[in-house]
Amino acid sequence: MPLWTGISAEGADRRSTTCMSAATPNKSAGGKTPCYTTIQAAVDAASAGSILFIAGGNYSETVSVKGSKQLTFSGNWDQTFENQNNNTALNQAPGVEVGSSLTLQELNITP
């Protein structure tokens, strides 16, 4: 079953996207549902090996990867999650617990 979050998560047989107020003001994630309101909510719902597709925008929340998850954040997606053409920035680096891993693609960390 797909999980949709202005962030999207995709694994071998699953896809998720997360709606972020900074990136998707209408919280629609291109019409995909369910729709999470924070990156952390998408991280918490994601299974190990998921890819979270994140819509363009500036995100100031604190994000932490826990529970031996191996995740990828893929940024710069437009609000339909069809094209990568927007700038995605996290205002602080995500925390990653020992035993977990995080790969960042097309995503900036800014102070």
Protein backbone atom coordinates (compact mmCIF):
# COMPACT_ATOMS: atom_id res chain seq x y z
CA MET A 1 0.00 0.00 0.00
CA PRO A 2 1.45 3.40 -0.95
CA LEU A 3 2.26 5.93 1.76
CA TRP A 4 2.27 9.52 0.54
CA THR A 5 3.85 12.27 2.60
CA GLY A 6 5.35 17.02 0.46
CA ILE A 7 7.87 14.25 1.00
CA SER A 8 7.72 10.97 -0.76
CA ALA A 9 9.14 7.62 0.31
CA GLU A 10 9.84 4.81 -2.12
CA GLY A 11 11.19 1.38 -1.44
CA ALA A 12 11.43 -1.71 -3.61
CA ASP A 13 7.66 -2.23 -3.53
CA ARG A 14 6.35 0.92 -1.88
CA ARG A 15 6.22 4.65 -2.51
CA SER A 16 5.53 7.46 -0.04
CA THR A 17 5.43 11.21 -0.21
CA THR A 18 5.10 13.76 2.64
CA CYS A 19 3.15 17.01 2.41
CA MET A 20 5.13 19.89 3.81
CA SER A 21 3.53 23.26 4.48
CA ALA A 22 6.61 25.08 3.17
CA ALA A 23 6.59 23.10 -0.06
CA THR A 24 3.01 22.01 -0.58
CA PRO A 25 0.75 24.63 1.00
CA ASN A 26 -2.39 22.66 0.12
CA LYS A 27 -0.87 19.52 1.69
CA SER A 28 -1.96 17.48 -1.33
CA ALA A 29 1.33 15.83 -2.42
CA GLY A 30 0.09 15.86 -5.99
CA GLY A 31 -3.18 14.25 -4.96
CA LYS A 32 -1.45 11.28 -3.34
CA THR A 33 -2.70 10.05 0.05
CA PRO A 34 -2.25 9.55 2.96
CA CYS A 35 -0.43 12.81 3.41
CA TYR A 36 1.97 13.49 6.30
CA THR A 37 2.46 17.03 7.57
CA THR A 38 6.13 16.72 8.61
CA ILE A 39 9.29 15.03 7.39
CA GLN A 40 9.56 13.33 10.79
CA ALA A 41 6.10 11.81 10.39
CA ALA A 42 7.20 10.33 7.05
CA VAL A 43 10.44 9.05 8.59
CA ASP A 44 8.51 7.42 11.43
CA ALA A 45 6.10 5.73 9.00
CA ALA A 46 8.78 4.62 6.52
CA SER A 47 10.14 1.09 6.39
CA ALA A 48 13.86 0.37 6.21
CA GLY A 49 15.11 0.92 2.65
CA SER A 50 12.53 3.60 1.79
CA ILE A 51 13.27 6.68 -0.29
CA LEU A 52 11.53 9.85 0.91
CA PHE A 53 10.81 12.22 -1.98
CA ILE A 54 10.79 15.78 -0.62
CA ALA A 55 9.12 18.71 -2.38
CA GLY A 56 11.11 21.89 -2.92
CA GLY A 57 11.12 24.35 -0.02
CA ASN A 58 12.91 25.25 3.20
CA TYR A 59 12.33 22.93 6.14
CA SER A 60 13.20 24.02 9.68
CA GLU A 61 12.03 20.99 11.65
CA THR A 62 14.31 18.69 13.62
CA VAL A 63 14.48 15.28 11.92
CA SER A 64 15.84 12.12 13.53
CA VAL A 65 16.26 8.67 11.96
CA LYS A 66 15.97 5.90 14.57
CA GLY A 67 15.25 2.21 14.82
CA SER A 68 17.88 0.71 12.50
CA LYS A 69 16.34 2.29 9.39
CA GLN A 70 18.25 2.81 6.18
CA LEU A 71 16.58 5.73 4.39
CA THR A 72 17.23 8.04 1.44
CA PHE A 73 15.95 11.62 1.21
CA SER A 74 15.46 12.67 -2.42
CA GLY A 75 14.82 16.42 -2.71
CA ASN A 76 13.92 19.11 -5.26
CA TRP A 77 10.59 17.59 -6.32
CA ASP A 78 7.75 19.77 -7.57
CA GLN A 79 4.33 19.59 -5.89
CA THR A 80 3.17 16.82 -8.26
CA PHE A 81 6.24 14.69 -7.53
CA GLU A 82 6.72 14.22 -11.27
CA ASN A 83 9.76 16.51 -11.84
CA GLN A 84 12.86 17.55 -9.92
CA ASN A 85 13.14 21.30 -10.48
CA ASN A 86 12.81 22.98 -7.10
CA ASN A 87 15.35 23.69 -4.36
CA THR A 88 14.98 21.67 -1.15
CA ALA A 89 16.85 22.76 1.97
CA LEU A 90 16.90 21.50 5.55
CA ASN A 91 17.86 24.22 8.03
CA GLN A 92 19.68 21.67 10.19
CA ALA A 93 21.27 18.32 9.52
CA PRO A 94 19.10 15.29 10.40
CA GLY A 95 20.14 13.19 13.37
CA VAL A 96 20.92 9.56 12.62
CA GLU A 97 20.95 6.98 15.42
CA VAL A 98 23.70 4.33 15.58
CA GLY A 99 22.54 1.37 13.49
CA SER A 100 20.58 3.58 11.07
CA SER A 101 21.77 5.30 7.89
CA LEU A 102 20.64 8.23 5.75
CA THR A 103 21.58 9.09 2.18
CA LEU A 104 20.84 12.60 0.85
CA GLN A 105 20.16 13.23 -2.85
CA GLU A 106 19.45 16.67 -4.38
CA LEU A 107 19.06 18.25 -0.95
CA ASN A 108 20.91 21.11 0.76
CA ILE A 109 21.70 21.59 4.45
CA THR A 110 21.74 25.30 5.28
CA PRO A 111 22.42 27.06 8.62
